[in-house]
Amino acid sequence: KLKNIANLRDLLMVVLGSVLSILDTVSPLTPPTMILHTIIIKLLIIVTLTMLGVRARLRS
């Protein structure tokens, strides 16, 4: 069960990484408000992933 959680987290990190790299390549062309939005979204995703990781660790 722990192995599945670790694999899922690795997969999420890979997906997150690719999404962030796409956002970073787009950001120079976007207005500052959009950059701010992407930063907020990034933070929300990171916090969510961390919470999921902590919750999974506590449950095991």
PDB file of N, CA and C in Angstrom:
ATOM      1  N   LYS A   1       0.834  -1.210   0.000  1.00  0.00           N
ATOM      2  CA  LYS A   1       0.000   0.000   0.000  1.00  0.00           C
ATOM      3  C   LYS A   1       0.872   1.265   0.000  1.00  0.00           C
ATOM      4  N   LEU A   2       1.907   1.253   0.817  1.00  0.00           N
ATOM      5  CA  LEU A   2       2.819   2.401   0.855  1.00  0.00           C
ATOM      6  C   LEU A   2       3.478   2.624  -0.499  1.00  0.00           C
ATOM      7  N   LYS A   3       3.823   1.513  -1.168  1.00  0.00           N
ATOM      8  CA  LYS A   3       4.482   1.605  -2.466  1.00  0.00           C
ATOM      9  C   LYS A   3       3.576   2.309  -3.477  1.00  0.00           C
ATOM     10  N   ASN A   4       2.289   1.965  -3.448  1.00  0.00           N
ATOM     11  CA  ASN A   4       1.331   2.604  -4.349  1.00  0.00           C
ATOM     12  C   ASN A   4       1.257   4.110  -4.112  1.00  0.00           C
ATOM     13  N   ILE A   5       1.246   4.508  -2.846  1.00  0.00           N
ATOM     14  CA  ILE A   5       1.196   5.932  -2.490  1.00  0.00           C
ATOM     15  C   ILE A   5       2.441   6.648  -3.023  1.00  0.00           C
ATOM     16  N   ALA A   6       3.599   6.023  -2.846  1.00  0.00           N
ATOM     17  CA  ALA A   6       4.848   6.611  -3.329  1.00  0.00           C
ATOM     18  C   ALA A   6       4.825   6.744  -4.848  1.00  0.00           C
ATOM     19  N   ASN A   7       4.359   5.703  -5.534  1.00  0.00           N
ATOM     20  CA  ASN A   7       4.272   5.750  -6.994  1.00  0.00           C
ATOM     21  C   ASN A   7       3.322   6.846  -7.455  1.00  0.00           C
ATOM     22  N   LEU A   8       2.196   6.957  -6.770  1.00  0.00           N
ATOM     23  CA  LEU A   8       1.213   7.990  -7.097  1.00  0.00           C
ATOM     24  C   LEU A   8       1.814   9.380  -6.917  1.00  0.00           C
ATOM     25  N   ARG A   9       2.560   9.558  -5.830  1.00  0.00           N
ATOM     26  CA  ARG A   9       3.182  10.857  -5.577  1.00  0.00           C
ATOM     27  C   ARG A   9       4.227  11.164  -6.654  1.00  0.00           C
ATOM     28  N   ASP A  10       5.009  10.146  -7.048  1.00  0.00           N
ATOM     29  CA  ASP A  10       5.993  10.341  -8.115  1.00  0.00           C
ATOM     30  C   ASP A  10       5.302  10.761  -9.409  1.00  0.00           C
ATOM     31  N   LEU A  11       4.203  10.082  -9.722  1.00  0.00           N
ATOM     32  CA  LEU A  11       3.437  10.403 -10.925  1.00  0.00           C
ATOM     33  C   LEU A  11       2.912  11.836 -10.860  1.00  0.00           C
ATOM     34  N   LEU A  12       2.364  12.209  -9.696  1.00  0.00           N
ATOM     35  CA  LEU A  12       1.851  13.566  -9.511  1.00  0.00           C
ATOM     36  C   LEU A  12       2.959  14.599  -9.691  1.00  0.00           C
ATOM     37  N   MET A  13       4.142  14.308  -9.151  1.00  0.00           N
ATOM     38  CA  MET A  13       5.259  15.236  -9.268  1.00  0.00           C
ATOM     39  C   MET A  13       5.691  15.388 -10.725  1.00  0.00           C
ATOM     40  N   VAL A  14       5.686  14.275 -11.477  1.00  0.00           N
ATOM     41  CA  VAL A  14       6.050  14.328 -12.898  1.00  0.00           C
ATOM     42  C   VAL A  14       5.047  15.180 -13.673  1.00  0.00           C
ATOM     43  N   VAL A  15       3.756  14.919 -13.413  1.00  0.00           N
ATOM     44  CA  VAL A  15       2.699  15.694 -14.075  1.00  0.00           C
ATOM     45  C   VAL A  15       2.817  17.165 -13.700  1.00  0.00           C
ATOM     46  N   LEU A  16       2.995  17.422 -12.396  1.00  0.00           N
ATOM     47  CA  LEU A  16       3.130  18.786 -11.906  1.00  0.00           C
ATOM     48  C   LEU A  16       4.324  19.477 -12.563  1.00  0.00           C
ATOM     49  N   GLY A  17       5.443  18.768 -12.642  1.00  0.00           N
ATOM     50  CA  GLY A  17       6.648  19.313 -13.259  1.00  0.00           C
ATOM     51  C   GLY A  17       6.420  19.722 -14.704  1.00  0.00           C
ATOM     52  N   SER A  18       5.748  18.849 -15.462  1.00  0.00           N
ATOM     53  CA  SER A  18       5.494  19.164 -16.869  1.00  0.00           C
ATOM     54  C   SER A  18       4.532  20.343 -17.005  1.00  0.00           C
ATOM     55  N   VAL A  19       3.510  20.380 -16.140  1.00  0.00           N
ATOM     56  CA  VAL A  19       2.562  21.505 -16.161  1.00  0.00           C
ATOM     57  C   VAL A  19       3.278  22.812 -15.829  1.00  0.00           C
ATOM     58  N   LEU A  20       4.134  22.779 -14.805  1.00  0.00           N
ATOM     59  CA  LEU A  20       4.852  23.992 -14.405  1.00  0.00           C
ATOM     60  C   LEU A  20       5.799  24.457 -15.499  1.00  0.00           C
ATOM     61  N   SER A  21       6.472  23.515 -16.175  1.00  0.00           N
ATOM     62  CA  SER A  21       7.385  23.905 -17.251  1.00  0.00           C
ATOM     63  C   SER A  21       6.622  24.539 -18.408  1.00  0.00           C
ATOM     64  N   ILE A  22       5.421  24.010 -18.694  1.00  0.00           N
ATOM     65  CA  ILE A  22       4.576  24.614 -19.729  1.00  0.00           C
ATOM     66  C   ILE A  22       4.176  26.029 -19.305  1.00  0.00           C
ATOM     67  N   LEU A  23       3.756  26.182 -18.044  1.00  0.00           N
ATOM     68  CA  LEU A  23       3.371  27.499 -17.531  1.00  0.00           C
ATOM     69  C   LEU A  23       4.547  28.472 -17.592  1.00  0.00           C
ATOM     70  N   ASP A  24       5.752  27.979 -17.264  1.00  0.00           N
ATOM     71  CA  ASP A  24       6.929  28.844 -17.262  1.00  0.00           C
ATOM     72  C   ASP A  24       7.293  29.299 -18.671  1.00  0.00           C
ATOM     73  N   THR A  25       7.083  28.421 -19.682  1.00  0.00           N
ATOM     74  CA  THR A  25       7.396  28.819 -21.053  1.00  0.00           C
ATOM     75  C   THR A  25       6.362  29.808 -21.580  1.00  0.00           C
ATOM     76  N   VAL A  26       5.136  29.722 -21.053  1.00  0.00           N
ATOM     77  CA  VAL A  26       4.067  30.629 -21.485  1.00  0.00           C
ATOM     78  C   VAL A  26       4.172  31.991 -20.792  1.00  0.00           C
ATOM     79  N   SER A  27       4.597  31.999 -19.529  1.00  0.00           N
ATOM     80  CA  SER A  27       4.538  33.203 -18.698  1.00  0.00           C
ATOM     81  C   SER A  27       5.176  34.480 -19.280  1.00  0.00           C
ATOM     82  N   PRO A  28       6.307  34.415 -20.012  1.00  0.00           N
ATOM     83  CA  PRO A  28       6.854  35.668 -20.564  1.00  0.00           C
ATOM     84  C   PRO A  28       5.882  36.393 -21.503  1.00  0.00           C
ATOM     85  N   LEU A  29       4.997  35.641 -22.152  1.00  0.00           N
ATOM     86  CA  LEU A  29       4.067  36.221 -23.113  1.00  0.00           C
ATOM     87  C   LEU A  29       2.778  36.707 -22.463  1.00  0.00           C
ATOM     88  N   THR A  30       2.557  36.321 -21.207  1.00  0.00           N
ATOM     89  CA  THR A  30       1.300  36.651 -20.542  1.00  0.00           C
ATOM     90  C   THR A  30       1.439  37.896 -19.677  1.00  0.00           C
ATOM     91  N   PRO A  31       0.340  38.623 -19.468  1.00  0.00           N
ATOM     92  CA  PRO A  31       0.369  39.810 -18.606  1.00  0.00           C
ATOM     93  C   PRO A  31       0.666  39.459 -17.146  1.00  0.00           C
ATOM     94  N   PRO A  32       1.151  40.436 -16.360  1.00  0.00           N
ATOM     95  CA  PRO A  32       1.530  40.193 -14.955  1.00  0.00           C
ATOM     96  C   PRO A  32       0.430  39.554 -14.115  1.00  0.00           C
ATOM     97  N   THR A  33      -0.834  39.907 -14.391  1.00  0.00           N
ATOM     98  CA  THR A  33      -1.930  39.328 -13.608  1.00  0.00           C
ATOM     99  C   THR A  33      -2.001  37.821 -13.805  1.00  0.00           C
ATOM    100  N   MET A  34      -1.750  37.373 -15.035  1.00  0.00           N
ATOM    101  CA  MET A  34      -1.759  35.944 -15.322  1.00  0.00           C
ATOM    102  C   MET A  34      -0.603  35.251 -14.611  1.00  0.00           C
ATOM    103  N   ILE A  35       0.560  35.905 -14.568  1.00  0.00           N
ATOM    104  CA  ILE A  35       1.719  35.345 -13.867  1.00  0.00           C
ATOM    105  C   ILE A  35       1.385  35.172 -12.392  1.00  0.00           C
ATOM    106  N   LEU A  36       0.732  36.181 -11.815  1.00  0.00           N
ATOM    107  CA  LEU A  36       0.304  36.108 -10.418  1.00  0.00           C
ATOM    108  C   LEU A  36      -0.646  34.933 -10.203  1.00  0.00           C
ATOM    109  N   HIS A  37      -1.589  34.771 -11.135  1.00  0.00           N
ATOM    110  CA  HIS A  37      -2.529  33.649 -11.057  1.00  0.00           C
ATOM    111  C   HIS A  37      -1.793  32.315 -11.076  1.00  0.00           C
ATOM    112  N   THR A  38      -0.826  32.162 -11.993  1.00  0.00           N
ATOM    113  CA  THR A  38      -0.093  30.897 -12.087  1.00  0.00           C
ATOM    114  C   THR A  38       0.697  30.627 -10.818  1.00  0.00           C
ATOM    115  N   ILE A  39       1.264  31.671 -10.208  1.00  0.00           N
ATOM    116  CA  ILE A  39       2.004  31.503  -8.953  1.00  0.00           C
ATOM    117  C   ILE A  39       1.066  31.005  -7.858  1.00  0.00           C
ATOM    118  N   ILE A  40      -0.123  31.609  -7.771  1.00  0.00           N
ATOM    119  CA  ILE A  40      -1.110  31.193  -6.768  1.00  0.00           C
ATOM    120  C   ILE A  40      -1.529  29.748  -7.003  1.00  0.00           C
ATOM    121  N   ILE A  41      -1.778  29.401  -8.275  1.00  0.00           N
ATOM    122  CA  ILE A  41      -2.164  28.029  -8.618  1.00  0.00           C
ATOM    123  C   ILE A  41      -1.054  27.056  -8.235  1.00  0.00           C
ATOM    124  N   LYS A  42       0.206  27.410  -8.545  1.00  0.00           N
ATOM    125  CA  LYS A  42       1.350  26.569  -8.176  1.00  0.00           C
ATOM    126  C   LYS A  42       1.382  26.321  -6.673  1.00  0.00           C
ATOM    127  N   LEU A  43       1.235  27.386  -5.895  1.00  0.00           N
ATOM    128  CA  LEU A  43       1.243  27.266  -4.436  1.00  0.00           C
ATOM    129  C   LEU A  43       0.117  26.366  -3.951  1.00  0.00           C
ATOM    130  N   LEU A  44      -1.083  26.549  -4.515  1.00  0.00           N
ATOM    131  CA  LEU A  44      -2.228  25.721  -4.132  1.00  0.00           C
ATOM    132  C   LEU A  44      -1.964  24.250  -4.425  1.00  0.00           C
ATOM    133  N   ILE A  45      -1.401  23.967  -5.611  1.00  0.00           N
ATOM    134  CA  ILE A  45      -1.100  22.582  -5.988  1.00  0.00           C
ATOM    135  C   ILE A  45      -0.079  21.986  -5.030  1.00  0.00           C
ATOM    136  N   ILE A  46       0.987  22.738  -4.730  1.00  0.00           N
ATOM    137  CA  ILE A  46       2.041  22.255  -3.832  1.00  0.00           C
ATOM    138  C   ILE A  46       1.477  21.969  -2.447  1.00  0.00           C
ATOM    139  N   VAL A  47       0.661  22.894  -1.924  1.00  0.00           N
ATOM    140  CA  VAL A  47       0.050  22.712  -0.604  1.00  0.00           C
ATOM    141  C   VAL A  47      -0.849  21.481  -0.592  1.00  0.00           C
ATOM    142  N   THR A  48      -1.651  21.330  -1.652  1.00  0.00           N
ATOM    143  CA  THR A  48      -2.555  20.179  -1.755  1.00  0.00           C
ATOM    144  C   THR A  48      -1.768  18.875  -1.759  1.00  0.00           C
ATOM    145  N   LEU A  49      -0.702  18.823  -2.575  1.00  0.00           N
ATOM    146  CA  LEU A  49       0.131  17.619  -2.641  1.00  0.00           C
ATOM    147  C   LEU A  49       0.756  17.315  -1.292  1.00  0.00           C
ATOM    148  N   THR A  50       1.238  18.352  -0.610  1.00  0.00           N
ATOM    149  CA  THR A  50       1.861  18.160   0.703  1.00  0.00           C
ATOM    150  C   THR A  50       0.856  17.610   1.703  1.00  0.00           C
ATOM    151  N   MET A  51      -0.350  18.184   1.709  1.00  0.00           N
ATOM    152  CA  MET A  51      -1.401  17.711   2.609  1.00  0.00           C
ATOM    153  C   MET A  51      -1.760  16.259   2.332  1.00  0.00           C
ATOM    154  N   LEU A  52      -1.873  15.910   1.049  1.00  0.00           N
ATOM    155  CA  LEU A  52      -2.175  14.524   0.674  1.00  0.00           C
ATOM    156  C   LEU A  52      -1.068  13.598   1.149  1.00  0.00           C
ATOM    157  N   GLY A  53       0.168  14.023   0.978  1.00  0.00           N
ATOM    158  CA  GLY A  53       1.307  13.219   1.407  1.00  0.00           C
ATOM    159  C   GLY A  53       1.318  13.007   2.908  1.00  0.00           C
ATOM    160  N   VAL A  54       1.061  14.081   3.663  1.00  0.00           N
ATOM    161  CA  VAL A  54       1.036  14.001   5.127  1.00  0.00           C
ATOM    162  C   VAL A  54      -0.098  13.090   5.583  1.00  0.00           C
ATOM    163  N   ARG A  55      -1.278  13.264   4.977  1.00  0.00           N
ATOM    164  CA  ARG A  55      -2.438  12.466   5.346  1.00  0.00           C
ATOM    165  C   ARG A  55      -2.192  10.980   5.055  1.00  0.00           C
ATOM    166  N   ALA A  56      -1.575  10.701   3.914  1.00  0.00           N
ATOM    167  CA  ALA A  56      -1.262   9.318   3.547  1.00  0.00           C
ATOM    168  C   ALA A  56      -0.269   8.715   4.541  1.00  0.00           C
ATOM    169  N   ARG A  57       0.708   9.524   4.954  1.00  0.00           N
ATOM    170  CA  ARG A  57       1.723   9.052   5.898  1.00  0.00           C
ATOM    171  C   ARG A  57       1.095   8.775   7.265  1.00  0.00           C
ATOM    172  N   LEU A  58       0.190   9.642   7.692  1.00  0.00           N
ATOM    173  CA  LEU A  58      -0.476   9.458   8.983  1.00  0.00           C
ATOM    174  C   LEU A  58      -1.358   8.216   8.980  1.00  0.00           C
ATOM    175  N   ARG A  59      -2.028   7.968   7.852  1.00  0.00           N
ATOM    176  CA  ARG A  59      -2.945   6.843   7.759  1.00  0.00           C
ATOM    177  C   ARG A  59      -2.195   5.510   7.814  1.00  0.00           C
ATOM    178  N   SER A  60      -0.997   5.472   7.235  1.00  0.00           N
ATOM    179  CA  SER A  60      -0.255   4.201   7.164  1.00  0.00           C
ATOM    180  C   SER A  60       0.308   3.787   8.519  1.00  0.00           C
TER     181      SER A  60
END
